[in-house]
C-alpha atoms as a PDB file:
ATOM      1  CA  MET A   1       5.994 -18.345  26.205  1.00  0.00           C
ATOM      2  CA  SER A   2       9.364 -17.612  25.271  1.00  0.00           C
ATOM      3  CA  ARG A   3      10.891 -14.074  23.771  1.00  0.00           C
ATOM      4  CA  LYS A   4      12.789 -17.028  21.070  1.00  0.00           C
ATOM      5  CA  ILE A   5       8.659 -17.738  20.340  1.00  0.00           C
ATOM      6  CA  THR A   6       7.892 -14.048  20.867  1.00  0.00           C
ATOM      7  CA  THR A   7      10.038 -12.720  18.463  1.00  0.00           C
ATOM      8  CA  PHE A   8      10.117 -15.387  16.008  1.00  0.00           C
ATOM      9  CA  CYS A   9       9.777 -14.171  12.234  1.00  0.00           C
ATOM     10  CA  PHE A  10       7.964 -16.056   9.304  1.00  0.00           C
ATOM     11  CA  PRO A  11       9.539 -16.570   6.454  1.00  0.00           C
ATOM     12  CA  LYS A  12       8.797 -14.164   3.632  1.00  0.00           C
ATOM     13  CA  LYS A  13       7.827 -16.516   1.290  1.00  0.00           C
ATOM     14  CA  LEU A  14       5.338 -18.679   3.788  1.00  0.00           C
ATOM     15  CA  VAL A  15       2.399 -19.283   2.502  1.00  0.00           C
ATOM     16  CA  MET A  16      -0.205 -20.252   5.257  1.00  0.00           C
ATOM     17  CA  PRO A  17      -2.791 -22.349   5.222  1.00  0.00           C
ATOM     18  CA  THR A  18      -6.238 -21.112   6.031  1.00  0.00           C
ATOM     19  CA  PHE A  19      -7.340 -22.384   9.280  1.00  0.00           C
ATOM     20  CA  ASP A  20     -10.808 -22.903  10.519  1.00  0.00           C
ATOM     21  CA  HIS A  21     -10.861 -20.313  13.803  1.00  0.00           C
ATOM     22  CA  TYR A  22     -11.066 -21.724  17.599  1.00  0.00           C
ATOM     23  CA  SER A  23     -13.098 -19.930  20.045  1.00  0.00           C
ATOM     24  CA  ARG A  24     -13.074 -22.564  22.927  1.00  0.00           C
ATOM     25  CA  THR A  25     -17.072 -23.826  22.022  1.00  0.00           C
ATOM     26  CA  SER A  26     -16.235 -26.597  20.394  1.00  0.00           C
ATOM     27  CA  ASP A  27     -13.766 -29.780  20.912  1.00  0.00           C
ATOM     28  CA  PRO A  28      -9.928 -28.717  20.824  1.00  0.00           C
ATOM     29  CA  LEU A  29      -8.570 -32.312  20.080  1.00  0.00           C
ATOM     30  CA  HIS A  30     -10.414 -31.910  17.287  1.00  0.00           C
ATOM     31  CA  HIS A  31      -9.128 -28.414  16.513  1.00  0.00           C
ATOM     32  CA  LEU A  32      -5.159 -29.591  17.260  1.00  0.00           C
ATOM     33  CA  ARG A  33      -5.845 -32.434  14.472  1.00  0.00           C
ATOM     34  CA  GLN A  34      -6.789 -29.658  11.620  1.00  0.00           C
ATOM     35  CA  TYR A  35      -4.141 -27.151  12.652  1.00  0.00           C
ATOM     36  CA  GLN A  36      -1.282 -30.259  12.482  1.00  0.00           C
ATOM     37  CA  ASP A  37      -3.022 -31.627   9.078  1.00  0.00           C
ATOM     38  CA  LYS A  38      -3.182 -28.125   7.756  1.00  0.00           C
ATOM     39  CA  ILE A  39       0.278 -26.964   8.458  1.00  0.00           C
ATOM     40  CA  ALA A  40       2.004 -30.204   8.406  1.00  0.00           C
ATOM     41  CA  VAL A  41       4.713 -29.594   5.710  1.00  0.00           C
ATOM     42  CA  TYR A  42       6.343 -27.268   7.964  1.00  0.00           C
ATOM     43  CA  ALA A  43       6.418 -29.997  10.777  1.00  0.00           C
ATOM     44  CA  HIS A  44       9.796 -29.855  11.453  1.00  0.00           C
ATOM     45  CA  ASP A  45       9.821 -26.423  12.530  1.00  0.00           C
ATOM     46  CA  ASP A  46       7.878 -25.953  16.170  1.00  0.00           C
ATOM     47  CA  LEU A  47       8.792 -21.854  16.469  1.00  0.00           C
ATOM     48  CA  LEU A  48       6.562 -21.416  13.045  1.00  0.00           C
ATOM     49  CA  LEU A  49       4.098 -24.705  14.435  1.00  0.00           C
ATOM     50  CA  PHE A  50       3.628 -22.473  18.283  1.00  0.00           C
ATOM     51  CA  ARG A  51       3.572 -18.793  15.742  1.00  0.00           C
ATOM     52  CA  ALA A  52       0.937 -20.038  13.566  1.00  0.00           C
ATOM     53  CA  PHE A  53      -1.202 -21.497  15.228  1.00  0.00           C
ATOM     54  CA  SER A  54      -3.266 -18.348  17.056  1.00  0.00           C
ATOM     55  CA  SER A  55      -3.928 -17.363  13.715  1.00  0.00           C
ATOM     56  CA  SER A  56      -5.875 -20.293  14.298  1.00  0.00           C
ATOM     57  CA  LEU A  57      -7.520 -19.072  17.450  1.00  0.00           C
ATOM     58  CA  LYS A  58     -10.225 -15.964  18.203  1.00  0.00           C
ATOM     59  CA  GLU A  59     -11.380 -14.393  21.118  1.00  0.00           C
ATOM     60  CA  VAL A  60     -11.172 -16.454  24.372  1.00  0.00           C
ATOM     61  CA  ALA A  61      -8.673 -18.778  23.426  1.00  0.00           C
ATOM     62  CA  TYR A  62      -6.314 -16.184  21.361  1.00  0.00           C
ATOM     63  CA  HIS A  63      -5.903 -14.130  24.801  1.00  0.00           C
ATOM     64  CA  TRP A  64      -6.024 -16.949  26.857  1.00  0.00           C
ATOM     65  CA  LEU A  65      -2.450 -18.095  24.766  1.00  0.00           C
ATOM     66  CA  TYR A  66      -1.083 -14.649  24.740  1.00  0.00           C
ATOM     67  CA  SER A  67      -1.925 -14.641  29.174  1.00  0.00           C
ATOM     68  CA  LEU A  68       0.386 -17.721  29.545  1.00  0.00           C
ATOM     69  CA  LEU A  69       3.186 -16.896  31.967  1.00  0.00           C
ATOM     70  CA  ARG A  70       6.559 -15.779  30.419  1.00  0.00           C
ATOM     71  CA  ASN A  71       8.763 -18.578  29.432  1.00  0.00           C
ATOM     72  CA  SER A  72       5.839 -21.621  30.591  1.00  0.00           C
ATOM     73  CA  LEU A  73       5.945 -22.762  27.372  1.00  0.00           C
ATOM     74  CA  ARG A  74       8.942 -23.592  26.097  1.00  0.00           C
ATOM     75  CA  ASN A  75       7.802 -25.662  22.585  1.00  0.00           C
ATOM     76  CA  PHE A  76       4.689 -26.598  20.351  1.00  0.00           C
ATOM     77  CA  HIS A  77       4.616 -29.392  21.975  1.00  0.00           C
ATOM     78  CA  ASP A  78       4.304 -28.101  25.649  1.00  0.00           C
ATOM     79  CA  MET A  79       1.341 -24.962  24.044  1.00  0.00           C
ATOM     80  CA  THR A  80      -0.981 -28.515  22.525  1.00  0.00           C
ATOM     81  CA  ASP A  81      -0.826 -29.933  25.972  1.00  0.00           C
ATOM     82  CA  ALA A  82      -1.596 -26.812  27.792  1.00  0.00           C
ATOM     83  CA  PHE A  83      -4.216 -26.126  25.015  1.00  0.00           C
ATOM     84  CA  TYR A  84      -5.858 -30.087  25.818  1.00  0.00           C
ATOM     85  CA  ASN A  85      -5.852 -29.260  29.223  1.00  0.00           C
END
């Protein structure tokens, strides 16, 4: 992940939706669709989409995201490609 992503701070007045947690035991495409539906109001903010995604993961999936090589993901689209593949 790029430094820009890892140092992003959420807006103070952000009301984070509640996400179902994904742990690599269900369909990743279904999880991505649910995540994007719940956070659609922030679709214009790529950094927020990326950073908030980690709160929808647990266990192995969460560790996978943070184990990715630095600078291997530049934006939310890169992350969704890596997540789904």
